[in-house]
C-alpha atoms as a PDB file:
ATOM      1  CA  UNK A   1     138.972 137.919 112.958  1.00  0.00           C
ATOM      2  CA  UNK A   2     139.032 140.783 115.510  1.00  0.00           C
ATOM      3  CA  UNK A   3     142.458 141.690 114.194  1.00  0.00           C
ATOM      4  CA  UNK A   4     140.982 142.435 110.732  1.00  0.00           C
ATOM      5  CA  UNK A   5     137.758 143.997 111.999  1.00  0.00           C
ATOM      6  CA  UNK A   6     139.334 146.590 114.291  1.00  0.00           C
ATOM      7  CA  UNK A   7     141.263 148.559 111.565  1.00  0.00           C
ATOM      8  CA  UNK A   8     138.147 148.584 109.408  1.00  0.00           C
ATOM      9  CA  UNK A   9     136.022 150.032 112.217  1.00  0.00           C
ATOM     10  CA  UNK A  10     138.661 152.602 113.184  1.00  0.00           C
ATOM     11  CA  UNK A  11     139.003 153.699 109.559  1.00  0.00           C
ATOM     12  CA  UNK A  12     135.224 153.922 109.155  1.00  0.00           C
ATOM     13  CA  UNK A  13     134.884 156.111 112.247  1.00  0.00           C
ATOM     14  CA  UNK A  14     137.858 158.289 111.238  1.00  0.00           C
ATOM     15  CA  UNK A  15     136.577 158.833 107.693  1.00  0.00           C
ATOM     16  CA  UNK A  16     133.081 159.554 108.991  1.00  0.00           C
ATOM     17  CA  UNK A  17     134.457 162.260 111.280  1.00  0.00           C
ATOM     18  CA  UNK A  18     136.658 163.759 108.552  1.00  0.00           C
ATOM     19  CA  UNK A  19     134.226 163.596 105.612  1.00  0.00           C
ATOM     20  CA  UNK A  20     130.951 163.842 107.504  1.00  0.00           C
ATOM     21  CA  UNK A  21     131.800 166.450 110.124  1.00  0.00           C
ATOM     22  CA  UNK A  22     135.125 168.265 109.708  1.00  0.00           C
ATOM     23  CA  UNK A  23     135.041 168.834 105.939  1.00  0.00           C
ATOM     24  CA  UNK A  24     131.405 170.083 105.798  1.00  0.00           C
ATOM     25  CA  UNK A  25     132.049 172.431 108.734  1.00  0.00           C
ATOM     26  CA  UNK A  26     135.212 173.766 107.078  1.00  0.00           C
ATOM     27  CA  UNK A  27     133.498 174.338 103.714  1.00  0.00           C
ATOM     28  CA  UNK A  28     130.496 175.983 105.385  1.00  0.00           C
ATOM     29  CA  UNK A  29     132.790 178.227 107.440  1.00  0.00           C
ATOM     30  CA  UNK A  30     134.880 179.278 104.452  1.00  0.00           C
ATOM     31  CA  UNK A  31     131.706 179.898 102.421  1.00  0.00           C
ATOM     32  CA  UNK A  32     130.216 182.049 105.173  1.00  0.00           C
ATOM     33  CA  UNK A  33     133.386 184.148 105.391  1.00  0.00           C
ATOM     34  CA  UNK A  34     134.277 184.432 101.691  1.00  0.00           C
ATOM     35  CA  UNK A  35     130.748 184.474 100.185  1.00  0.00           C
ATOM     36  CA  UNK A  36     128.394 185.521 103.007  1.00  0.00           C
ATOM     37  CA  UNK A  37     125.444 186.493 100.791  1.00  0.00           C
ATOM     38  CA  UNK A  38     125.554 183.366  98.643  1.00  0.00           C
ATOM     39  CA  UNK A  39     126.088 181.087 101.643  1.00  0.00           C
ATOM     40  CA  UNK A  40     123.033 182.667 103.253  1.00  0.00           C
ATOM     41  CA  UNK A  41     120.859 181.907 100.224  1.00  0.00           C
ATOM     42  CA  UNK A  42     121.265 185.256  98.430  1.00  0.00           C
ATOM     43  CA  UNK A  43     118.158 186.495 100.236  1.00  0.00           C
ATOM     44  CA  UNK A  44     116.572 189.777  99.211  1.00  0.00           C
ATOM     45  CA  UNK A  45     115.455 191.724 102.278  1.00  0.00           C
ATOM     46  CA  UNK A  46     112.774 194.398 102.477  1.00  0.00           C
ATOM     47  CA  UNK A  47     111.906 196.057 105.777  1.00  0.00           C
ATOM     48  CA  UNK A  48     114.102 193.507 107.557  1.00  0.00           C
ATOM     49  CA  UNK A  49     112.187 190.532 106.161  1.00  0.00           C
ATOM     50  CA  UNK A  50     113.226 188.138 103.395  1.00  0.00           C
ATOM     51  CA  UNK A  51     110.985 188.524 100.345  1.00  0.00           C
ATOM     52  CA  UNK A  52     112.849 186.432  97.770  1.00  0.00           C
ATOM     53  CA  UNK A  53     116.122 184.868  96.781  1.00  0.00           C
ATOM     54  CA  UNK A  54     118.179 186.089  93.857  1.00  0.00           C
ATOM     55  CA  UNK A  55     118.811 182.436  92.977  1.00  0.00           C
ATOM     56  CA  UNK A  56     115.285 180.996  92.832  1.00  0.00           C
ATOM     57  CA  UNK A  57     112.625 182.112  90.397  1.00  0.00           C
ATOM     58  CA  UNK A  58     109.133 183.103  91.444  1.00  0.00           C
ATOM     59  CA  UNK A  59     105.867 182.506  89.619  1.00  0.00           C
ATOM     60  CA  UNK A  60     104.400 185.692  88.157  1.00  0.00           C
ATOM     61  CA  UNK A  61     101.156 185.883  86.190  1.00  0.00           C
ATOM     62  CA  UNK A  62     100.090 189.483  86.794  1.00  0.00           C
ATOM     63  CA  UNK A  63     100.456 191.558  83.591  1.00  0.00           C
ATOM     64  CA  UNK A  64     102.168 194.261  85.707  1.00  0.00           C
ATOM     65  CA  UNK A  65     105.129 191.961  86.302  1.00  0.00           C
ATOM     66  CA  UNK A  66     107.663 190.357  84.031  1.00  0.00           C
ATOM     67  CA  UNK A  67     106.983 186.645  83.810  1.00  0.00           C
ATOM     68  CA  UNK A  68     109.683 184.127  84.633  1.00  0.00           C
ATOM     69  CA  UNK A  69     110.590 180.949  82.848  1.00  0.00           C
ATOM     70  CA  UNK A  70     108.200 178.090  83.335  1.00  0.00           C
ATOM     71  CA  UNK A  71     109.028 175.832  86.264  1.00  0.00           C
ATOM     72  CA  UNK A  72     109.420 172.086  85.879  1.00  0.00           C
ATOM     73  CA  UNK A  73     108.812 171.570  89.598  1.00  0.00           C
ATOM     74  CA  UNK A  74     105.156 170.645  89.210  1.00  0.00           C
ATOM     75  CA  UNK A  75     102.647 170.788  90.698  1.00  0.00           C
ATOM     76  CA  UNK A  76     104.035 173.661  92.779  1.00  0.00           C
ATOM     77  CA  UNK A  77     105.838 176.346  90.759  1.00  0.00           C
ATOM     78  CA  UNK A  78     109.367 177.059  91.904  1.00  0.00           C
ATOM     79  CA  UNK A  79     109.372 174.417  94.634  1.00  0.00           C
ATOM     80  CA  UNK A  80     113.055 174.283  95.566  1.00  0.00           C
ATOM     81  CA  UNK A  81     112.562 170.900  97.250  1.00  0.00           C
ATOM     82  CA  UNK A  82     111.611 169.432  93.870  1.00  0.00           C
ATOM     83  CA  UNK A  83     114.371 170.910  91.727  1.00  0.00           C
ATOM     84  CA  UNK A  84     114.681 169.030  88.467  1.00  0.00           C
ATOM     85  CA  UNK A  85     114.086 169.300  84.774  1.00  0.00           C
ATOM     86  CA  UNK A  86     110.976 167.948  83.118  1.00  0.00           C
ATOM     87  CA  UNK A  87     112.874 165.245  81.174  1.00  0.00           C
ATOM     88  CA  UNK A  88     110.479 165.805  78.280  1.00  0.00           C
ATOM     89  CA  UNK A  89     112.106 165.408  74.893  1.00  0.00           C
ATOM     90  CA  UNK A  90     111.303 167.533  71.844  1.00  0.00           C
ATOM     91  CA  UNK A  91     108.976 164.854  70.432  1.00  0.00           C
ATOM     92  CA  UNK A  92     106.990 164.463  73.652  1.00  0.00           C
ATOM     93  CA  UNK A  93     103.361 165.542  73.094  1.00  0.00           C
ATOM     94  CA  UNK A  94     103.128 166.772  76.700  1.00  0.00           C
ATOM     95  CA  UNK A  95     105.956 169.236  76.060  1.00  0.00           C
ATOM     96  CA  UNK A  96     104.309 170.485  72.870  1.00  0.00           C
ATOM     97  CA  UNK A  97     101.012 170.982  74.734  1.00  0.00           C
ATOM     98  CA  UNK A  98     102.725 172.816  77.605  1.00  0.00           C
ATOM     99  CA  UNK A  99     104.603 175.116  75.210  1.00  0.00           C
ATOM    100  CA  UNK A 100     101.411 175.838  73.243  1.00  0.00           C
ATOM    101  CA  UNK A 101      99.574 176.699  76.482  1.00  0.00           C
ATOM    102  CA  UNK A 102     102.394 179.021  77.559  1.00  0.00           C
ATOM    103  CA  UNK A 103     102.448 180.761  74.170  1.00  0.00           C
ATOM    104  CA  UNK A 104      98.657 181.217  74.401  1.00  0.00           C
ATOM    105  CA  UNK A 105      98.939 182.683  77.921  1.00  0.00           C
ATOM    106  CA  UNK A 106     101.580 185.178  76.736  1.00  0.00           C
ATOM    107  CA  UNK A 107      99.529 186.117  73.667  1.00  0.00           C
ATOM    108  CA  UNK A 108      96.346 186.487  75.756  1.00  0.00           C
ATOM    109  CA  UNK A 109      98.145 188.784  78.218  1.00  0.00           C
ATOM    110  CA  UNK A 110      99.415 191.007  75.373  1.00  0.00           C
ATOM    111  CA  UNK A 111      97.126 190.547  72.337  1.00  0.00           C
ATOM    112  CA  UNK A 112      98.765 193.277  70.245  1.00  0.00           C
ATOM    113  CA  UNK A 113     102.226 191.725  70.493  1.00  0.00           C
ATOM    114  CA  UNK A 114     102.863 189.771  67.290  1.00  0.00           C
ATOM    115  CA  UNK A 115     106.593 189.319  67.835  1.00  0.00           C
ATOM    116  CA  UNK A 116     107.909 185.754  67.990  1.00  0.00           C
ATOM    117  CA  UNK A 117     107.802 184.447  71.568  1.00  0.00           C
ATOM    118  CA  UNK A 118     111.342 183.831  72.861  1.00  0.00           C
ATOM    119  CA  UNK A 119     111.887 180.160  73.626  1.00  0.00           C
ATOM    120  CA  UNK A 120     112.987 180.751  77.215  1.00  0.00           C
ATOM    121  CA  UNK A 121     109.549 182.146  78.077  1.00  0.00           C
ATOM    122  CA  UNK A 122     107.828 178.891  77.133  1.00  0.00           C
ATOM    123  CA  UNK A 123     110.323 176.224  78.235  1.00  0.00           C
ATOM    124  CA  UNK A 124     111.629 175.303  81.678  1.00  0.00           C
ATOM    125  CA  UNK A 125     115.274 175.483  82.669  1.00  0.00           C
ATOM    126  CA  UNK A 126     117.283 172.418  83.640  1.00  0.00           C
ATOM    127  CA  UNK A 127     116.735 173.016  87.355  1.00  0.00           C
ATOM    128  CA  UNK A 128     113.170 174.208  87.021  1.00  0.00           C
ATOM    129  CA  UNK A 129     114.035 177.095  89.375  1.00  0.00           C
ATOM    130  CA  UNK A 130     115.901 179.550  87.151  1.00  0.00           C
ATOM    131  CA  UNK A 131     115.180 183.204  88.042  1.00  0.00           C
ATOM    132  CA  UNK A 132     116.635 184.463  84.758  1.00  0.00           C
ATOM    133  CA  UNK A 133     115.265 185.093  81.291  1.00  0.00           C
ATOM    134  CA  UNK A 134     117.053 186.326  78.211  1.00  0.00           C
ATOM    135  CA  UNK A 135     117.127 190.048  77.400  1.00  0.00           C
ATOM    136  CA  UNK A 136     114.934 189.118  74.410  1.00  0.00           C
ATOM    137  CA  UNK A 137     112.419 187.525  76.766  1.00  0.00           C
ATOM    138  CA  UNK A 138     112.341 190.712  78.816  1.00  0.00           C
ATOM    139  CA  UNK A 139     112.041 192.924  75.725  1.00  0.00           C
ATOM    140  CA  UNK A 140     109.080 190.827  74.557  1.00  0.00           C
ATOM    141  CA  UNK A 141     107.247 191.791  77.769  1.00  0.00           C
ATOM    142  CA  UNK A 142     108.225 195.488  78.039  1.00  0.00           C
ATOM    143  CA  UNK A 143     105.168 196.917  76.251  1.00  0.00           C
ATOM    144  CA  UNK A 144     102.706 194.830  78.313  1.00  0.00           C
ATOM    145  CA  UNK A 145     104.326 195.756  81.628  1.00  0.00           C
ATOM    146  CA  UNK A 146     104.613 199.443  80.707  1.00  0.00           C
ATOM    147  CA  UNK A 147     100.960 199.564  79.644  1.00  0.00           C
ATOM    148  CA  UNK A 148      99.745 197.708  82.766  1.00  0.00           C
ATOM    149  CA  UNK A 149     101.703 200.067  85.046  1.00  0.00           C
ATOM    150  CA  UNK A 150     101.028 203.257  83.069  1.00  0.00           C
ATOM    151  CA  UNK A 151     104.765 203.788  82.666  1.00  0.00           C
ATOM    152  CA  UNK A 152     106.780 204.949  79.717  1.00  0.00           C
ATOM    153  CA  UNK A 153     108.289 201.950  77.881  1.00  0.00           C
ATOM    154  CA  UNK A 154     111.694 203.676  77.949  1.00  0.00           C
ATOM    155  CA  UNK A 155     111.619 203.737  81.769  1.00  0.00           C
ATOM    156  CA  UNK A 156     110.754 200.024  81.850  1.00  0.00           C
ATOM    157  CA  UNK A 157     113.561 199.289  79.358  1.00  0.00           C
ATOM    158  CA  UNK A 158     115.968 201.222  81.587  1.00  0.00           C
ATOM    159  CA  UNK A 159     114.986 199.003  84.533  1.00  0.00           C
ATOM    160  CA  UNK A 160     115.507 195.926  82.338  1.00  0.00           C
ATOM    161  CA  UNK A 161     118.959 197.202  81.378  1.00  0.00           C
ATOM    162  CA  UNK A 162     119.812 197.896  85.020  1.00  0.00           C
ATOM    163  CA  UNK A 163     118.865 194.324  85.933  1.00  0.00           C
ATOM    164  CA  UNK A 164     120.638 192.657  83.019  1.00  0.00           C
ATOM    165  CA  UNK A 165     123.682 190.660  84.055  1.00  0.00           C
ATOM    166  CA  UNK A 166     126.513 190.174  81.592  1.00  0.00           C
ATOM    167  CA  UNK A 167     128.560 187.097  80.875  1.00  0.00           C
ATOM    168  CA  UNK A 168     130.429 185.677  83.840  1.00  0.00           C
ATOM    169  CA  UNK A 169     134.075 186.673  83.698  1.00  0.00           C
ATOM    170  CA  UNK A 170     133.215 188.356  80.389  1.00  0.00           C
ATOM    171  CA  UNK A 171     133.071 185.090  78.419  1.00  0.00           C
ATOM    172  CA  UNK A 172     130.960 182.462  80.209  1.00  0.00           C
ATOM    173  CA  UNK A 173     127.241 182.114  79.600  1.00  0.00           C
ATOM    174  CA  UNK A 174     124.890 184.574  78.013  1.00  0.00           C
ATOM    175  CA  UNK A 175     123.522 187.931  79.173  1.00  0.00           C
ATOM    176  CA  UNK A 176     120.465 187.402  81.363  1.00  0.00           C
ATOM    177  CA  UNK A 177     117.828 189.309  83.289  1.00  0.00           C
ATOM    178  CA  UNK A 178     116.985 188.339  86.866  1.00  0.00           C
ATOM    179  CA  UNK A 179     113.171 188.518  86.828  1.00  0.00           C
ATOM    180  CA  UNK A 180     112.845 188.529  90.617  1.00  0.00           C
ATOM    181  CA  UNK A 181     115.147 191.525  90.994  1.00  0.00           C
ATOM    182  CA  UNK A 182     113.562 193.295  87.995  1.00  0.00           C
ATOM    183  CA  UNK A 183     110.051 192.919  89.420  1.00  0.00           C
ATOM    184  CA  UNK A 184     111.185 194.136  92.838  1.00  0.00           C
ATOM    185  CA  UNK A 185     112.759 197.175  91.137  1.00  0.00           C
ATOM    186  CA  UNK A 186     109.508 197.790  89.239  1.00  0.00           C
ATOM    187  CA  UNK A 187     107.510 197.600  92.443  1.00  0.00           C
ATOM    188  CA  UNK A 188     109.904 200.036  94.120  1.00  0.00           C
ATOM    189  CA  UNK A 189     109.660 202.446  91.156  1.00  0.00           C
ATOM    190  CA  UNK A 190     106.005 203.145  91.856  1.00  0.00           C
END
């Protein structure tokens, strides 16, 4: 019996050391050397203090800021510890109510805007933490933000364009606007 048990225990300890200690340390080390910003959380620093991450959305409701996608990490918006989708299907009445409430909030914040509301402004992303919206979602909000900040709409559009990311490797994904970075740029433009 001991003859069969010993190899199993040795293998368990060896694999625990390799897969539980050595491999994670190696991957973390390579990540820190090759991708230092991403490995550090892609933190955005102002005055030596972290104010946001480029990878995690923030809740905005002030008309002077661009609004992010809705977060599915209820009850706390953009709670990274609760990353997940809502798992609400298109026929779920709760989803329809949430979308209607989000459309109403956008319309109330900008009553003169009769353009169709882009879908990404009223639905959550798969992770519930996405910091990006579509360029159409940003364009929908340009007039409201420009008016609230007493800025020319062309200047706000230029900031949107400067914070629009293209497709990855030129072919993957869709163009997108990082709302966190855009709002920080707007705040700095004062």
